Amino acid sequence: MLSTTKVEYRATTHAVKEALWMCAFLGEIMRSLSTPMMLHCDNQSAIMLSKDGQHHARMKHINLQFHLIHETVTNCAITLIYCPMQMMVADILMKLLSHGKTGEHASSLRLLPP
């Protein structure tokens, strides 16, 4: 069974791959981005693991492909930013939320009038 940090680290790695693809695509049709792309993550351990770069004993079974995130963060191509779980607007698309939280996130995404 995978811990929350490992799952978040893998999910963040997949998000980094998509962000790198988007940067390359935008660079081809417009111009390259001059600032790093920001990704929000709600797991501080995954963020610290991406910045640390050491292969911890409990993370040794994660494939090397998932350590791409460390290289990307080190090269300043992507910046990982902590976003508390209560502020994750994308949760409206993935989780069952209370009526108030659903309305709040829908307004933030401009799906509802303010």
N, C-alpha and C. Protein backbone atom coordinates (compact mmCIF):
# COMPACT_ATOMS: atom_id res chain seq x y z
N MET A 1 0.83 -1.18 0.00
CA MET A 1 0.00 0.00 0.00
C MET A 1 0.88 1.25 0.00
N LEU A 2 0.53 2.21 -0.82
CA LEU A 2 1.33 3.42 -0.94
C LEU A 2 0.87 4.46 0.07
N SER A 3 1.81 5.20 0.62
CA SER A 3 1.46 6.27 1.54
C SER A 3 0.97 7.47 0.74
N THR A 4 0.35 8.41 1.45
CA THR A 4 -0.17 9.61 0.81
C THR A 4 0.93 10.39 0.11
N THR A 5 2.10 10.48 0.73
CA THR A 5 3.21 11.22 0.12
C THR A 5 3.62 10.60 -1.20
N LYS A 6 3.70 9.27 -1.25
CA LYS A 6 4.10 8.60 -2.48
C LYS A 6 3.08 8.81 -3.58
N VAL A 7 1.82 8.73 -3.23
CA VAL A 7 0.76 8.93 -4.21
C VAL A 7 0.78 10.37 -4.71
N GLU A 8 0.90 11.33 -3.81
CA GLU A 8 0.96 12.73 -4.20
C GLU A 8 2.20 13.02 -5.04
N TYR A 9 3.32 12.38 -4.69
CA TYR A 9 4.56 12.58 -5.44
C TYR A 9 4.40 12.07 -6.87
N ARG A 10 3.78 10.92 -7.01
CA ARG A 10 3.54 10.38 -8.35
C ARG A 10 2.58 11.27 -9.13
N ALA A 11 1.52 11.71 -8.49
CA ALA A 11 0.54 12.58 -9.17
C ALA A 11 1.19 13.90 -9.56
N THR A 12 2.03 14.45 -8.69
CA THR A 12 2.72 15.70 -9.00
C THR A 12 3.68 15.50 -10.16
N THR A 13 4.33 14.35 -10.23
CA THR A 13 5.23 14.06 -11.35
C THR A 13 4.47 14.04 -12.66
N HIS A 14 3.30 13.44 -12.67
CA HIS A 14 2.49 13.44 -13.89
C HIS A 14 2.05 14.86 -14.26
N ALA A 15 1.72 15.67 -13.25
CA ALA A 15 1.35 17.07 -13.51
C ALA A 15 2.54 17.85 -14.07
N VAL A 16 3.75 17.56 -13.57
CA VAL A 16 4.96 18.21 -14.08
C VAL A 16 5.18 17.84 -15.55
N LYS A 17 4.97 16.57 -15.89
CA LYS A 17 5.12 16.15 -17.29
C LYS A 17 4.17 16.92 -18.19
N GLU A 18 2.92 17.08 -17.74
CA GLU A 18 1.93 17.82 -18.53
C GLU A 18 2.31 19.30 -18.63
N ALA A 19 2.82 19.86 -17.54
CA ALA A 19 3.22 21.27 -17.55
C ALA A 19 4.41 21.49 -18.48
N LEU A 20 5.36 20.57 -18.49
CA LEU A 20 6.50 20.68 -19.39
C LEU A 20 6.04 20.60 -20.85
N TRP A 21 5.08 19.71 -21.13
CA TRP A 21 4.54 19.62 -22.48
C TRP A 21 3.86 20.94 -22.86
N MET A 22 3.09 21.51 -21.94
CA MET A 22 2.39 22.76 -22.21
C MET A 22 3.38 23.90 -22.46
N CYS A 23 4.46 23.95 -21.68
CA CYS A 23 5.49 24.98 -21.89
C CYS A 23 6.12 24.84 -23.27
N ALA A 24 6.42 23.61 -23.67
CA ALA A 24 7.02 23.38 -24.99
C ALA A 24 6.03 23.77 -26.09
N PHE A 25 4.77 23.42 -25.92
CA PHE A 25 3.74 23.75 -26.90
C PHE A 25 3.59 25.27 -27.04
N LEU A 26 3.50 25.96 -25.90
CA LEU A 26 3.38 27.42 -25.94
C LEU A 26 4.62 28.06 -26.55
N GLY A 27 5.79 27.47 -26.28
CA GLY A 27 7.02 27.97 -26.87
C GLY A 27 7.04 27.85 -28.39
N GLU A 28 6.38 26.82 -28.90
CA GLU A 28 6.33 26.64 -30.35
C GLU A 28 5.33 27.57 -31.03
N ILE A 29 4.19 27.80 -30.41
CA ILE A 29 3.18 28.62 -31.08
C ILE A 29 3.28 30.10 -30.74
N MET A 30 3.91 30.43 -29.62
CA MET A 30 4.07 31.85 -29.24
C MET A 30 5.54 32.12 -28.97
N ARG A 31 5.85 32.19 -27.72
CA ARG A 31 7.24 32.36 -27.31
C ARG A 31 7.45 31.61 -26.01
N SER A 32 8.68 31.30 -25.71
CA SER A 32 8.99 30.57 -24.48
C SER A 32 8.64 31.40 -23.27
N LEU A 33 8.25 30.72 -22.21
CA LEU A 33 7.93 31.41 -20.97
C LEU A 33 9.20 31.91 -20.31
N SER A 34 9.16 33.12 -19.80
CA SER A 34 10.35 33.68 -19.17
C SER A 34 10.41 33.37 -17.67
N THR A 35 9.28 33.00 -17.09
CA THR A 35 9.24 32.65 -15.67
C THR A 35 8.82 31.20 -15.52
N PRO A 36 9.21 30.57 -14.42
CA PRO A 36 8.82 29.17 -14.22
C PRO A 36 7.31 29.03 -14.08
N MET A 37 6.78 27.93 -14.56
CA MET A 37 5.35 27.65 -14.39
C MET A 37 5.12 27.21 -12.95
N MET A 38 4.02 27.66 -12.36
CA MET A 38 3.71 27.33 -10.97
C MET A 38 2.69 26.20 -10.92
N LEU A 39 2.97 25.21 -10.11
CA LEU A 39 2.05 24.11 -9.85
C LEU A 39 1.71 24.12 -8.37
N HIS A 40 0.44 23.93 -8.06
CA HIS A 40 -0.01 23.90 -6.68
C HIS A 40 -0.14 22.46 -6.22
N CYS A 41 0.33 22.18 -5.03
CA CYS A 41 0.30 20.84 -4.46
C CYS A 41 -0.16 20.95 -3.01
N ASP A 42 -1.01 20.03 -2.56
CA ASP A 42 -1.50 20.10 -1.19
C ASP A 42 -0.75 19.18 -0.24
N ASN A 43 0.38 18.65 -0.65
CA ASN A 43 1.15 17.76 0.20
C ASN A 43 2.56 18.33 0.37
N GLN A 44 2.84 18.83 1.57
CA GLN A 44 4.14 19.44 1.82
C GLN A 44 5.28 18.43 1.75
N SER A 45 5.02 17.19 2.11
CA SER A 45 6.07 16.17 2.04
C SER A 45 6.50 15.91 0.60
N ALA A 46 5.54 15.89 -0.31
CA ALA A 46 5.87 15.69 -1.72
C ALA A 46 6.68 16.87 -2.25
N ILE A 47 6.34 18.07 -1.82
CA ILE A 47 7.09 19.26 -2.25
C ILE A 47 8.52 19.19 -1.72
N MET A 48 8.68 18.83 -0.45
CA MET A 48 10.02 18.74 0.13
C MET A 48 10.84 17.63 -0.53
N LEU A 49 10.21 16.52 -0.85
CA LEU A 49 10.91 15.43 -1.53
C LEU A 49 11.39 15.87 -2.91
N SER A 50 10.59 16.67 -3.60
CA SER A 50 10.99 17.13 -4.93
C SER A 50 12.17 18.10 -4.86
N LYS A 51 12.29 18.83 -3.76
CA LYS A 51 13.39 19.79 -3.60
C LYS A 51 14.63 19.13 -3.02
N ASP A 52 14.45 18.08 -2.21
CA ASP A 52 15.55 17.44 -1.50
C ASP A 52 16.46 16.66 -2.44
N GLY A 53 15.89 15.80 -3.25
CA GLY A 53 16.69 15.05 -4.22
C GLY A 53 17.38 13.83 -3.67
N GLN A 54 17.31 13.60 -2.37
CA GLN A 54 17.93 12.41 -1.81
C GLN A 54 16.95 11.25 -1.92
N HIS A 55 17.47 10.09 -2.17
CA HIS A 55 16.63 8.91 -2.25
C HIS A 55 16.47 8.34 -0.85
N HIS A 56 15.37 8.66 -0.23
CA HIS A 56 15.12 8.18 1.13
C HIS A 56 14.79 6.69 1.10
N ALA A 57 15.09 6.01 2.18
CA ALA A 57 14.87 4.56 2.26
C ALA A 57 13.42 4.19 2.01
N ARG A 58 12.49 4.99 2.52
CA ARG A 58 11.08 4.65 2.35
C ARG A 58 10.56 4.95 0.95
N MET A 59 11.34 5.66 0.14
CA MET A 59 10.92 6.00 -1.21
C MET A 59 11.73 5.25 -2.26
N LYS A 60 12.52 4.28 -1.85
CA LYS A 60 13.44 3.62 -2.78
C LYS A 60 12.74 2.83 -3.87
N HIS A 61 11.50 2.43 -3.66
CA HIS A 61 10.83 1.62 -4.67
C HIS A 61 10.11 2.45 -5.74
N ILE A 62 10.13 3.77 -5.62
CA ILE A 62 9.54 4.61 -6.66
C ILE A 62 10.49 4.60 -7.86
N ASN A 63 9.94 4.36 -9.02
CA ASN A 63 10.75 4.31 -10.23
C ASN A 63 11.50 5.62 -10.45
N LEU A 64 12.62 5.53 -11.12
CA LEU A 64 13.42 6.72 -11.39
C LEU A 64 12.67 7.73 -12.25
N GLN A 65 11.71 7.25 -13.05
CA GLN A 65 10.96 8.18 -13.88
C GLN A 65 10.21 9.21 -13.04
N PHE A 66 9.86 8.85 -11.81
CA PHE A 66 9.15 9.77 -10.96
C PHE A 66 10.07 10.80 -10.32
N HIS A 67 11.37 10.63 -10.46
CA HIS A 67 12.30 11.62 -9.93
C HIS A 67 12.59 12.72 -10.95
N LEU A 68 11.91 12.71 -12.07
CA LEU A 68 11.99 13.80 -13.04
C LEU A 68 11.60 15.12 -12.37
N ILE A 69 10.69 15.04 -11.43
CA ILE A 69 10.21 16.25 -10.77
C ILE A 69 11.35 16.98 -10.05
N HIS A 70 12.27 16.23 -9.46
CA HIS A 70 13.39 16.88 -8.77
C HIS A 70 14.26 17.65 -9.76
N GLU A 71 14.56 17.07 -10.89
CA GLU A 71 15.36 17.75 -11.91
C GLU A 71 14.67 19.02 -12.40
N THR A 72 13.37 18.91 -12.62
CA THR A 72 12.61 20.05 -13.13
C THR A 72 12.56 21.18 -12.13
N VAL A 73 12.37 20.87 -10.87
CA VAL A 73 12.34 21.90 -9.82
C VAL A 73 13.72 22.50 -9.64
N THR A 74 14.76 21.66 -9.67
CA THR A 74 16.14 22.15 -9.51
C THR A 74 16.53 23.09 -10.65
N ASN A 75 16.09 22.78 -11.87
CA ASN A 75 16.41 23.61 -13.04
C ASN A 75 15.52 24.85 -13.14
N CYS A 76 14.63 25.04 -12.18
CA CYS A 76 13.73 26.20 -12.13
C CYS A 76 12.80 26.28 -13.33
N ALA A 77 12.46 25.15 -13.93
CA ALA A 77 11.49 25.15 -15.02
C ALA A 77 10.07 25.19 -14.44
N ILE A 78 9.92 24.62 -13.24
CA ILE A 78 8.62 24.56 -12.58
C ILE A 78 8.83 24.90 -11.11
N THR A 79 7.89 25.63 -10.55
CA THR A 79 7.90 25.95 -9.13
C THR A 79 6.71 25.29 -8.47
N LEU A 80 6.96 24.51 -7.43
CA LEU A 80 5.87 23.88 -6.68
C LEU A 80 5.49 24.79 -5.52
N ILE A 81 4.21 25.04 -5.38
CA ILE A 81 3.71 25.93 -4.34
C ILE A 81 2.72 25.15 -3.49
N TYR A 82 2.85 25.29 -2.18
CA TYR A 82 1.92 24.62 -1.28
C TYR A 82 0.58 25.35 -1.30
N CYS A 83 -0.46 24.58 -1.44
CA CYS A 83 -1.83 25.10 -1.41
C CYS A 83 -2.60 24.21 -0.44
N PRO A 84 -3.11 24.77 0.66
CA PRO A 84 -3.85 23.93 1.61
C PRO A 84 -5.04 23.25 0.95
N MET A 85 -5.40 22.10 1.46
CA MET A 85 -6.46 21.31 0.87
C MET A 85 -7.78 22.09 0.81
N GLN A 86 -8.04 22.97 1.76
CA GLN A 86 -9.28 23.74 1.77
C GLN A 86 -9.34 24.73 0.62
N MET A 87 -8.18 25.08 0.05
CA MET A 87 -8.13 26.08 -1.02
C MET A 87 -8.02 25.45 -2.41
N MET A 88 -7.97 24.13 -2.50
CA MET A 88 -7.84 23.45 -3.80
C MET A 88 -9.15 23.54 -4.58
N VAL A 89 -9.20 24.45 -5.51
CA VAL A 89 -10.41 24.69 -6.29
C VAL A 89 -10.73 23.49 -7.18
N ALA A 90 -9.73 22.76 -7.63
CA ALA A 90 -9.94 21.62 -8.51
C ALA A 90 -10.67 20.48 -7.81
N ASP A 91 -10.75 20.52 -6.48
CA ASP A 91 -11.45 19.45 -5.76
C ASP A 91 -12.91 19.33 -6.16
N ILE A 92 -13.48 20.41 -6.67
CA ILE A 92 -14.88 20.36 -7.11
C ILE A 92 -15.07 19.33 -8.22
N LEU A 93 -14.01 19.06 -8.97
CA LEU A 93 -14.08 18.10 -10.07
C LEU A 93 -13.77 16.68 -9.64
N MET A 94 -13.25 16.50 -8.42
CA MET A 94 -12.78 15.18 -8.02
C MET A 94 -13.38 14.63 -6.73
N LYS A 95 -13.98 15.49 -5.91
CA LYS A 95 -14.43 15.04 -4.60
C LYS A 95 -15.86 15.47 -4.35
N LEU A 96 -16.50 14.78 -3.43
CA LEU A 96 -17.81 15.17 -2.96
C LEU A 96 -17.60 16.22 -1.88
N LEU A 97 -18.08 17.44 -2.11
CA LEU A 97 -17.89 18.54 -1.19
C LEU A 97 -19.21 19.01 -0.62
N SER A 98 -19.15 19.76 0.46
CA SER A 98 -20.37 20.33 1.03
C SER A 98 -20.95 21.36 0.06
N HIS A 99 -22.21 21.69 0.26
CA HIS A 99 -22.89 22.63 -0.64
C HIS A 99 -22.17 23.98 -0.67
N GLY A 100 -21.78 24.46 0.51
CA GLY A 100 -21.09 25.76 0.59
C GLY A 100 -19.75 25.76 -0.12
N LYS A 101 -18.98 24.69 0.09
CA LYS A 101 -17.66 24.58 -0.55
C LYS A 101 -17.80 24.43 -2.06
N THR A 102 -18.82 23.68 -2.50
CA THR A 102 -19.06 23.51 -3.94
C THR A 102 -19.37 24.87 -4.58
N GLY A 103 -20.22 25.64 -3.93
CA GLY A 103 -20.56 26.97 -4.45
C GLY A 103 -19.35 27.90 -4.47
N GLU A 104 -18.55 27.83 -3.42
CA GLU A 104 -17.35 28.67 -3.33
C GLU A 104 -16.36 28.35 -4.46
N HIS A 105 -16.11 27.05 -4.67
CA HIS A 105 -15.18 26.65 -5.73
C HIS A 105 -15.74 26.93 -7.12
N ALA A 106 -17.04 26.74 -7.29
CA ALA A 106 -17.67 27.01 -8.59
C ALA A 106 -17.56 28.50 -8.92
N SER A 107 -17.73 29.36 -7.92
CA SER A 107 -17.56 30.80 -8.15
C SER A 107 -16.11 31.14 -8.47
N SER A 108 -15.18 30.49 -7.80
CA SER A 108 -13.76 30.73 -8.06
C SER A 108 -13.38 30.34 -9.49
N LEU A 109 -14.02 29.30 -10.01
CA LEU A 109 -13.76 28.87 -11.38
C LEU A 109 -14.61 29.63 -12.39
N ARG A 110 -15.42 30.55 -11.87
CA ARG A 110 -16.34 31.37 -12.68
C ARG A 110 -17.37 30.53 -13.40
N LEU A 111 -17.78 29.44 -12.73
CA LEU A 111 -18.85 28.62 -13.27
C LEU A 111 -20.22 29.17 -12.83
N LEU A 112 -20.21 29.97 -11.77
CA LEU A 112 -21.41 30.63 -11.25
C LEU A 112 -21.16 32.13 -11.19
N PRO A 113 -22.21 32.92 -11.22
CA PRO A 113 -22.00 34.37 -11.03
C PRO A 113 -21.51 34.64 -9.61
N PRO A 114 -20.72 35.69 -9.42
CA PRO A 114 -20.16 35.97 -8.07
C PRO A 114 -21.22 36.32 -7.06
